[in-house]
Amino acid sequence: MTQVTAMFVMFILYGVLPVAGLYLGYRGIKKMTAPKMLEYKAMPQLGYIPEKSLPVEVKTALDQINEKGEKLRVIYGDTNNDGKIDDKDTVNETYIMIQNLMDRHVPLAVTDYRRLHDLDVGDARALTRPKSSTLM
């Protein structure tokens, strides 16, 4: 083995492999500890929400809204009954109303709920702090 080949093998063994192991270990730990994200097909504007940020009741209500929204979209959006909603379907007022509800109103309600929940948690922290001085 020549000196250049030996240096190349040492670079691979002591440089590339440890760095690759650290990187893959970091990615694996990050993936295992990442919170589970909730996704709703009927409400794509809602985006991905961490599962732990909503109570169970709200998650079940959102799941029910998502299922009903998907069913209603298919019923009112697929007017030519070809199994998909595309440009060949005629749009009626009910479909537009369902679309607006699922795209705008439900995500705004969830955002407002989360904002109020954050404020509620902040107020609880403020109430537990001891008062340092009182004004007369």
C-alpha atoms as a PDB file:
ATOM      1  CA  MET A   1       0.000   0.000   0.000  1.00  0.00           C
ATOM      2  CA  THR A   2       1.369   3.378  -0.918  1.00  0.00           C
ATOM      3  CA  GLN A   3       1.447   6.316   1.397  1.00  0.00           C
ATOM      4  CA  VAL A   4      -1.347   8.141  -0.493  1.00  0.00           C
ATOM      5  CA  THR A   5      -3.612   5.085  -0.327  1.00  0.00           C
ATOM      6  CA  ALA A   6      -2.928   4.696   3.393  1.00  0.00           C
ATOM      7  CA  MET A   7      -3.768   8.379   3.985  1.00  0.00           C
ATOM      8  CA  PHE A   8      -6.982   7.997   1.995  1.00  0.00           C
ATOM      9  CA  VAL A   9      -8.037   4.924   4.016  1.00  0.00           C
ATOM     10  CA  MET A  10      -7.216   6.714   7.285  1.00  0.00           C
ATOM     11  CA  PHE A  11      -9.224   9.762   6.166  1.00  0.00           C
ATOM     12  CA  ILE A  12     -12.230   7.512   5.460  1.00  0.00           C
ATOM     13  CA  LEU A  13     -11.879   5.527   8.710  1.00  0.00           C
ATOM     14  CA  TYR A  14     -11.116   8.386  11.096  1.00  0.00           C
ATOM     15  CA  GLY A  15     -12.772  11.322   9.330  1.00  0.00           C
ATOM     16  CA  VAL A  16     -15.752  10.440   7.182  1.00  0.00           C
ATOM     17  CA  LEU A  17     -17.183   7.475   9.108  1.00  0.00           C
ATOM     18  CA  PRO A  18     -17.321   9.182  12.547  1.00  0.00           C
ATOM     19  CA  VAL A  19     -18.863  12.331  11.064  1.00  0.00           C
ATOM     20  CA  ALA A  20     -21.425  10.239   9.161  1.00  0.00           C
ATOM     21  CA  GLY A  21     -22.217   8.284  12.335  1.00  0.00           C
ATOM     22  CA  LEU A  22     -22.704  11.464  14.360  1.00  0.00           C
ATOM     23  CA  TYR A  23     -24.919  12.978  11.665  1.00  0.00           C
ATOM     24  CA  LEU A  24     -27.072   9.866  11.285  1.00  0.00           C
ATOM     25  CA  GLY A  25     -27.341   9.500  15.063  1.00  0.00           C
ATOM     26  CA  TYR A  26     -28.415  13.135  15.379  1.00  0.00           C
ATOM     27  CA  ARG A  27     -31.045  12.703  12.641  1.00  0.00           C
ATOM     28  CA  GLY A  28     -32.326   9.488  14.205  1.00  0.00           C
ATOM     29  CA  ILE A  29     -32.689  11.004  17.672  1.00  0.00           C
ATOM     30  CA  LYS A  30     -34.338  14.098  16.223  1.00  0.00           C
ATOM     31  CA  LYS A  31     -36.808  11.943  14.279  1.00  0.00           C
ATOM     32  CA  MET A  32     -37.632   9.759  17.290  1.00  0.00           C
ATOM     33  CA  THR A  33     -38.222  12.725  19.610  1.00  0.00           C
ATOM     34  CA  ALA A  34     -40.182  14.859  17.109  1.00  0.00           C
ATOM     35  CA  PRO A  35     -43.811  15.458  18.086  1.00  0.00           C
ATOM     36  CA  LYS A  36     -46.496  13.673  16.110  1.00  0.00           C
ATOM     37  CA  MET A  37     -48.099  16.091  13.669  1.00  0.00           C
ATOM     38  CA  LEU A  38     -51.783  16.127  12.788  1.00  0.00           C
ATOM     39  CA  GLU A  39     -52.743  16.552   9.134  1.00  0.00           C
ATOM     40  CA  TYR A  40     -56.191  17.117   7.732  1.00  0.00           C
ATOM     41  CA  LYS A  41     -56.840  16.512   4.030  1.00  0.00           C
ATOM     42  CA  ALA A  42     -60.089  18.458   3.891  1.00  0.00           C
ATOM     43  CA  MET A  43     -58.442  21.431   5.599  1.00  0.00           C
ATOM     44  CA  PRO A  44     -55.052  21.932   3.918  1.00  0.00           C
ATOM     45  CA  GLN A  45     -54.832  25.557   5.090  1.00  0.00           C
ATOM     46  CA  LEU A  46     -54.731  24.271   8.646  1.00  0.00           C
ATOM     47  CA  GLY A  47     -51.266  22.908   7.977  1.00  0.00           C
ATOM     48  CA  TYR A  48     -49.583  20.546  10.376  1.00  0.00           C
ATOM     49  CA  ILE A  49     -50.354  20.906  14.061  1.00  0.00           C
ATOM     50  CA  PRO A  50     -48.363  19.229  16.850  1.00  0.00           C
ATOM     51  CA  GLU A  51     -50.559  16.592  18.488  1.00  0.00           C
ATOM     52  CA  LYS A  52     -49.681  17.742  22.006  1.00  0.00           C
ATOM     53  CA  SER A  53     -50.826  21.328  21.386  1.00  0.00           C
ATOM     54  CA  LEU A  54     -54.543  20.413  21.271  1.00  0.00           C
ATOM     55  CA  PRO A  55     -56.703  18.645  23.855  1.00  0.00           C
ATOM     56  CA  VAL A  56     -58.253  15.297  22.992  1.00  0.00           C
ATOM     57  CA  GLU A  57     -61.743  16.783  22.614  1.00  0.00           C
ATOM     58  CA  VAL A  58     -60.547  19.317  20.057  1.00  0.00           C
ATOM     59  CA  LYS A  59     -58.605  16.652  18.128  1.00  0.00           C
ATOM     60  CA  THR A  60     -61.654  14.393  17.919  1.00  0.00           C
ATOM     61  CA  ALA A  61     -63.842  17.315  16.839  1.00  0.00           C
ATOM     62  CA  LEU A  62     -61.317  18.245  14.121  1.00  0.00           C
ATOM     63  CA  ASP A  63     -61.183  14.622  12.961  1.00  0.00           C
ATOM     64  CA  GLN A  64     -64.963  14.573  12.656  1.00  0.00           C
ATOM     65  CA  ILE A  65     -64.977  17.900  10.790  1.00  0.00           C
ATOM     66  CA  ASN A  66     -62.283  16.579   8.442  1.00  0.00           C
ATOM     67  CA  GLU A  67     -64.248  13.391   7.676  1.00  0.00           C
ATOM     68  CA  LYS A  68     -67.488  15.287   7.080  1.00  0.00           C
ATOM     69  CA  GLY A  69     -65.686  17.873   4.977  1.00  0.00           C
ATOM     70  CA  GLU A  70     -64.174  15.205   2.743  1.00  0.00           C
ATOM     71  CA  LYS A  71     -67.580  13.549   2.295  1.00  0.00           C
ATOM     72  CA  LEU A  72     -69.345  16.844   1.547  1.00  0.00           C
ATOM     73  CA  ARG A  73     -66.655  17.899  -0.929  1.00  0.00           C
ATOM     74  CA  VAL A  74     -67.115  14.675  -2.853  1.00  0.00           C
ATOM     75  CA  ILE A  75     -70.914  14.927  -2.745  1.00  0.00           C
ATOM     76  CA  TYR A  76     -71.139  18.558  -3.861  1.00  0.00           C
ATOM     77  CA  GLY A  77     -67.868  18.923  -5.783  1.00  0.00           C
ATOM     78  CA  ASP A  78     -67.953  15.864  -8.028  1.00  0.00           C
ATOM     79  CA  THR A  79     -71.005  16.737 -10.123  1.00  0.00           C
ATOM     80  CA  ASN A  80     -70.194  14.485 -13.096  1.00  0.00           C
ATOM     81  CA  ASN A  81     -69.552  11.439 -10.816  1.00  0.00           C
ATOM     82  CA  ASP A  82     -66.156  10.513 -12.248  1.00  0.00           C
ATOM     83  CA  GLY A  83     -64.618  10.035  -8.786  1.00  0.00           C
ATOM     84  CA  LYS A  84     -62.474  13.173  -8.729  1.00  0.00           C
ATOM     85  CA  ILE A  85     -63.007  16.896  -8.420  1.00  0.00           C
ATOM     86  CA  ASP A  86     -61.554  18.675 -11.450  1.00  0.00           C
ATOM     87  CA  ASP A  87     -62.261  21.453 -13.950  1.00  0.00           C
ATOM     88  CA  LYS A  88     -64.966  19.398 -15.684  1.00  0.00           C
ATOM     89  CA  ASP A  89     -67.235  19.605 -12.621  1.00  0.00           C
ATOM     90  CA  THR A  90     -69.716  22.435 -12.315  1.00  0.00           C
ATOM     91  CA  VAL A  91     -69.385  24.526  -9.174  1.00  0.00           C
ATOM     92  CA  ASN A  92     -72.454  25.365  -7.126  1.00  0.00           C
ATOM     93  CA  GLU A  93     -72.971  27.649  -4.169  1.00  0.00           C
ATOM     94  CA  THR A  94     -72.977  24.823  -1.616  1.00  0.00           C
ATOM     95  CA  TYR A  95     -69.551  23.615  -2.733  1.00  0.00           C
ATOM     96  CA  ILE A  96     -68.142  27.157  -2.488  1.00  0.00           C
ATOM     97  CA  MET A  97     -69.596  27.478   1.016  1.00  0.00           C
ATOM     98  CA  ILE A  98     -68.036  24.152   2.087  1.00  0.00           C
ATOM     99  CA  GLN A  99     -64.724  25.160   0.493  1.00  0.00           C
ATOM    100  CA  ASN A 100     -64.710  28.508   2.343  1.00  0.00           C
ATOM    101  CA  LEU A 101     -65.622  26.800   5.601  1.00  0.00           C
ATOM    102  CA  MET A 102     -62.839  24.225   5.317  1.00  0.00           C
ATOM    103  CA  ASP A 103     -60.186  26.568   3.883  1.00  0.00           C
ATOM    104  CA  ARG A 104     -60.779  29.718   5.937  1.00  0.00           C
ATOM    105  CA  HIS A 105     -63.132  29.462   8.874  1.00  0.00           C
ATOM    106  CA  VAL A 106     -62.015  26.220  10.547  1.00  0.00           C
ATOM    107  CA  PRO A 107     -58.268  27.057  10.346  1.00  0.00           C
ATOM    108  CA  LEU A 108     -58.970  30.539  11.728  1.00  0.00           C
ATOM    109  CA  ALA A 109     -61.004  29.039  14.564  1.00  0.00           C
ATOM    110  CA  VAL A 110     -58.209  26.614  15.436  1.00  0.00           C
ATOM    111  CA  THR A 111     -55.623  29.418  15.290  1.00  0.00           C
ATOM    112  CA  ASP A 112     -57.775  31.601  17.546  1.00  0.00           C
ATOM    113  CA  TYR A 113     -58.307  28.677  19.935  1.00  0.00           C
ATOM    114  CA  ARG A 114     -54.574  28.049  20.167  1.00  0.00           C
ATOM    115  CA  ARG A 115     -53.899  31.767  20.680  1.00  0.00           C
ATOM    116  CA  LEU A 116     -56.515  31.953  23.458  1.00  0.00           C
ATOM    117  CA  HIS A 117     -55.143  28.781  25.027  1.00  0.00           C
ATOM    118  CA  ASP A 118     -51.647  30.340  25.043  1.00  0.00           C
ATOM    119  CA  LEU A 119     -53.067  33.498  26.654  1.00  0.00           C
ATOM    120  CA  ASP A 120     -54.918  31.392  29.207  1.00  0.00           C
ATOM    121  CA  VAL A 121     -51.703  29.594  30.141  1.00  0.00           C
ATOM    122  CA  GLY A 122     -49.908  32.960  30.378  1.00  0.00           C
ATOM    123  CA  ASP A 123     -52.626  34.357  32.671  1.00  0.00           C
ATOM    124  CA  ALA A 124     -52.343  31.315  34.912  1.00  0.00           C
ATOM    125  CA  ARG A 125     -48.629  31.937  35.241  1.00  0.00           C
ATOM    126  CA  ALA A 126     -49.268  35.606  35.998  1.00  0.00           C
ATOM    127  CA  LEU A 127     -51.756  34.703  38.725  1.00  0.00           C
ATOM    128  CA  THR A 128     -49.291  32.390  40.477  1.00  0.00           C
ATOM    129  CA  ARG A 129     -46.537  35.002  40.732  1.00  0.00           C
ATOM    130  CA  PRO A 130     -46.222  36.652  44.126  1.00  0.00           C
ATOM    131  CA  LYS A 131     -46.906  40.364  44.219  1.00  0.00           C
ATOM    132  CA  SER A 132     -43.772  42.210  45.205  1.00  0.00           C
ATOM    133  CA  SER A 133     -45.373  45.519  46.101  1.00  0.00           C
ATOM    134  CA  THR A 134     -48.792  47.063  46.347  1.00  0.00           C
ATOM    135  CA  LEU A 135     -49.841  50.548  45.367  1.00  0.00           C
ATOM    136  CA  MET A 136     -51.837  52.734  47.689  1.00  0.00           C
END
